[in-house]
Amino acid sequence: MYYNTTKHRFNSFSVLLSSLDDKKEDFHHITREIDIAIKKINKYRETGNKGAHSIDANLTLDDISRDRDEVIYLIQLLLMILQKIR
């Protein structure tokens, strides 16, 4: 799901999100919030892609402060899922 063995590289963030969305039923026993999490993560995908591939990300401290709690929640949710599937 996360590594393309043919190209010998990790999949893009878009492919990772799409794979997670395709397999979300596999995670419902861990959390019912997986659908909400995928939508919230996808909201950051475009900004993240632009920031990762550009020197000028146009990200302000206000942007970071505004989204801080939501990003922390998403990270904690993903870490919890990771711990449960190991």
C-alpha atoms as a PDB file:
ATOM      1  CA  MET A   1       0.000   0.000   0.000  1.00  0.00           C
ATOM      2  CA  TYR A   2       2.796   2.430   0.727  1.00  0.00           C
ATOM      3  CA  TYR A   3       5.668   1.200  -1.459  1.00  0.00           C
ATOM      4  CA  ASN A   4       5.774   0.674  -5.221  1.00  0.00           C
ATOM      5  CA  THR A   5       8.054  -2.324  -5.676  1.00  0.00           C
ATOM      6  CA  THR A   6       8.091  -1.917  -9.469  1.00  0.00           C
ATOM      7  CA  LYS A   7       9.442   1.644  -9.287  1.00  0.00           C
ATOM      8  CA  HIS A   8      11.438   1.014  -6.081  1.00  0.00           C
ATOM      9  CA  ARG A   9      10.043   4.070  -4.322  1.00  0.00           C
ATOM     10  CA  PHE A  10       7.403   5.091  -1.832  1.00  0.00           C
ATOM     11  CA  ASN A  11       3.980   6.012  -3.160  1.00  0.00           C
ATOM     12  CA  SER A  12       2.841   9.618  -3.296  1.00  0.00           C
ATOM     13  CA  PHE A  13       0.670  11.092  -0.582  1.00  0.00           C
ATOM     14  CA  SER A  14      -2.332  11.008  -2.961  1.00  0.00           C
ATOM     15  CA  VAL A  15      -1.860   7.288  -3.557  1.00  0.00           C
ATOM     16  CA  LEU A  16      -1.503   6.672   0.191  1.00  0.00           C
ATOM     17  CA  LEU A  17      -4.766   8.493   0.907  1.00  0.00           C
ATOM     18  CA  SER A  18      -6.545   6.698  -1.908  1.00  0.00           C
ATOM     19  CA  SER A  19      -5.305   3.336  -0.620  1.00  0.00           C
ATOM     20  CA  LEU A  20      -6.423   4.187   2.901  1.00  0.00           C
ATOM     21  CA  ASP A  21      -9.831   5.211   1.598  1.00  0.00           C
ATOM     22  CA  ASP A  22     -10.116   1.945  -0.379  1.00  0.00           C
ATOM     23  CA  LYS A  23      -9.225  -0.094   2.728  1.00  0.00           C
ATOM     24  CA  LYS A  24     -11.077   1.989   5.350  1.00  0.00           C
ATOM     25  CA  GLU A  25     -13.443  -0.861   6.196  1.00  0.00           C
ATOM     26  CA  ASP A  26     -10.415  -2.755   7.495  1.00  0.00           C
ATOM     27  CA  PHE A  27      -9.920  -0.029  10.112  1.00  0.00           C
ATOM     28  CA  HIS A  28     -13.492   0.373  11.390  1.00  0.00           C
ATOM     29  CA  HIS A  29     -12.860  -2.127  14.184  1.00  0.00           C
ATOM     30  CA  ILE A  30     -10.164   0.273  15.444  1.00  0.00           C
ATOM     31  CA  THR A  31     -12.004   3.567  14.953  1.00  0.00           C
ATOM     32  CA  ARG A  32     -15.247   4.740  13.383  1.00  0.00           C
ATOM     33  CA  GLU A  33     -13.593   8.110  12.747  1.00  0.00           C
ATOM     34  CA  ILE A  34     -11.513   6.876   9.812  1.00  0.00           C
ATOM     35  CA  ASP A  35     -13.854   8.480   7.229  1.00  0.00           C
ATOM     36  CA  ILE A  36     -13.640  11.855   8.954  1.00  0.00           C
ATOM     37  CA  ALA A  37      -9.869  11.531   9.304  1.00  0.00           C
ATOM     38  CA  ILE A  38      -9.412  10.778   5.591  1.00  0.00           C
ATOM     39  CA  LYS A  39     -11.431  13.868   4.643  1.00  0.00           C
ATOM     40  CA  LYS A  40      -9.478  16.059   7.051  1.00  0.00           C
ATOM     41  CA  ILE A  41      -6.113  14.706   5.912  1.00  0.00           C
ATOM     42  CA  ASN A  42      -7.096  15.210   2.276  1.00  0.00           C
ATOM     43  CA  LYS A  43      -7.772  18.866   3.081  1.00  0.00           C
ATOM     44  CA  TYR A  44      -4.049  19.276   3.835  1.00  0.00           C
ATOM     45  CA  ARG A  45      -2.822  17.252   0.856  1.00  0.00           C
ATOM     46  CA  GLU A  46      -2.754  20.074  -1.708  1.00  0.00           C
ATOM     47  CA  THR A  47      -1.075  22.519   0.665  1.00  0.00           C
ATOM     48  CA  GLY A  48       1.388  19.844   1.713  1.00  0.00           C
ATOM     49  CA  ASN A  49       2.258  18.976  -1.873  1.00  0.00           C
ATOM     50  CA  LYS A  50       2.854  22.621  -2.749  1.00  0.00           C
ATOM     51  CA  GLY A  51       5.002  23.099   0.348  1.00  0.00           C
ATOM     52  CA  ALA A  52       7.024  19.970  -0.267  1.00  0.00           C
ATOM     53  CA  HIS A  53       7.871  20.920  -3.834  1.00  0.00           C
ATOM     54  CA  SER A  54       8.431  24.649  -3.481  1.00  0.00           C
ATOM     55  CA  ILE A  55      10.621  27.021  -1.516  1.00  0.00           C
ATOM     56  CA  ASP A  56       7.730  29.477  -1.165  1.00  0.00           C
ATOM     57  CA  ALA A  57       4.937  27.697   0.722  1.00  0.00           C
ATOM     58  CA  ASN A  58       3.079  30.875   1.798  1.00  0.00           C
ATOM     59  CA  LEU A  59       2.429  29.348   5.206  1.00  0.00           C
ATOM     60  CA  THR A  60       1.873  31.812   8.031  1.00  0.00           C
ATOM     61  CA  LEU A  61       1.978  31.459  11.802  1.00  0.00           C
ATOM     62  CA  ASP A  62      -1.765  32.148  11.790  1.00  0.00           C
ATOM     63  CA  ASP A  63      -2.279  29.149   9.480  1.00  0.00           C
ATOM     64  CA  ILE A  64      -0.250  26.935  11.785  1.00  0.00           C
ATOM     65  CA  SER A  65      -2.003  28.203  14.924  1.00  0.00           C
ATOM     66  CA  ARG A  66      -5.449  27.836  13.366  1.00  0.00           C
ATOM     67  CA  ASP A  67      -4.942  24.199  12.354  1.00  0.00           C
ATOM     68  CA  ARG A  68      -2.735  23.094  15.246  1.00  0.00           C
ATOM     69  CA  ASP A  69      -5.351  21.207  17.268  1.00  0.00           C
ATOM     70  CA  GLU A  70      -6.778  19.444  14.233  1.00  0.00           C
ATOM     71  CA  VAL A  71      -3.351  18.357  13.003  1.00  0.00           C
ATOM     72  CA  ILE A  72      -2.381  17.086  16.462  1.00  0.00           C
ATOM     73  CA  TYR A  73      -5.664  15.127  16.621  1.00  0.00           C
ATOM     74  CA  LEU A  74      -5.016  13.551  13.204  1.00  0.00           C
ATOM     75  CA  ILE A  75      -1.452  12.606  14.098  1.00  0.00           C
ATOM     76  CA  GLN A  76      -2.590  11.023  17.366  1.00  0.00           C
ATOM     77  CA  LEU A  77      -5.363   9.124  15.569  1.00  0.00           C
ATOM     78  CA  LEU A  78      -2.956   7.791  12.936  1.00  0.00           C
ATOM     79  CA  LEU A  79      -0.424   6.787  15.595  1.00  0.00           C
ATOM     80  CA  MET A  80      -3.150   4.972  17.530  1.00  0.00           C
ATOM     81  CA  ILE A  81      -4.164   3.090  14.384  1.00  0.00           C
ATOM     82  CA  LEU A  82      -0.535   2.196  13.705  1.00  0.00           C
ATOM     83  CA  GLN A  83      -0.099   0.837  17.233  1.00  0.00           C
ATOM     84  CA  LYS A  84      -3.262  -1.286  16.941  1.00  0.00           C
ATOM     85  CA  ILE A  85      -2.299  -2.887  13.631  1.00  0.00           C
ATOM     86  CA  ARG A  86       1.208  -3.871  14.695  1.00  0.00           C
END
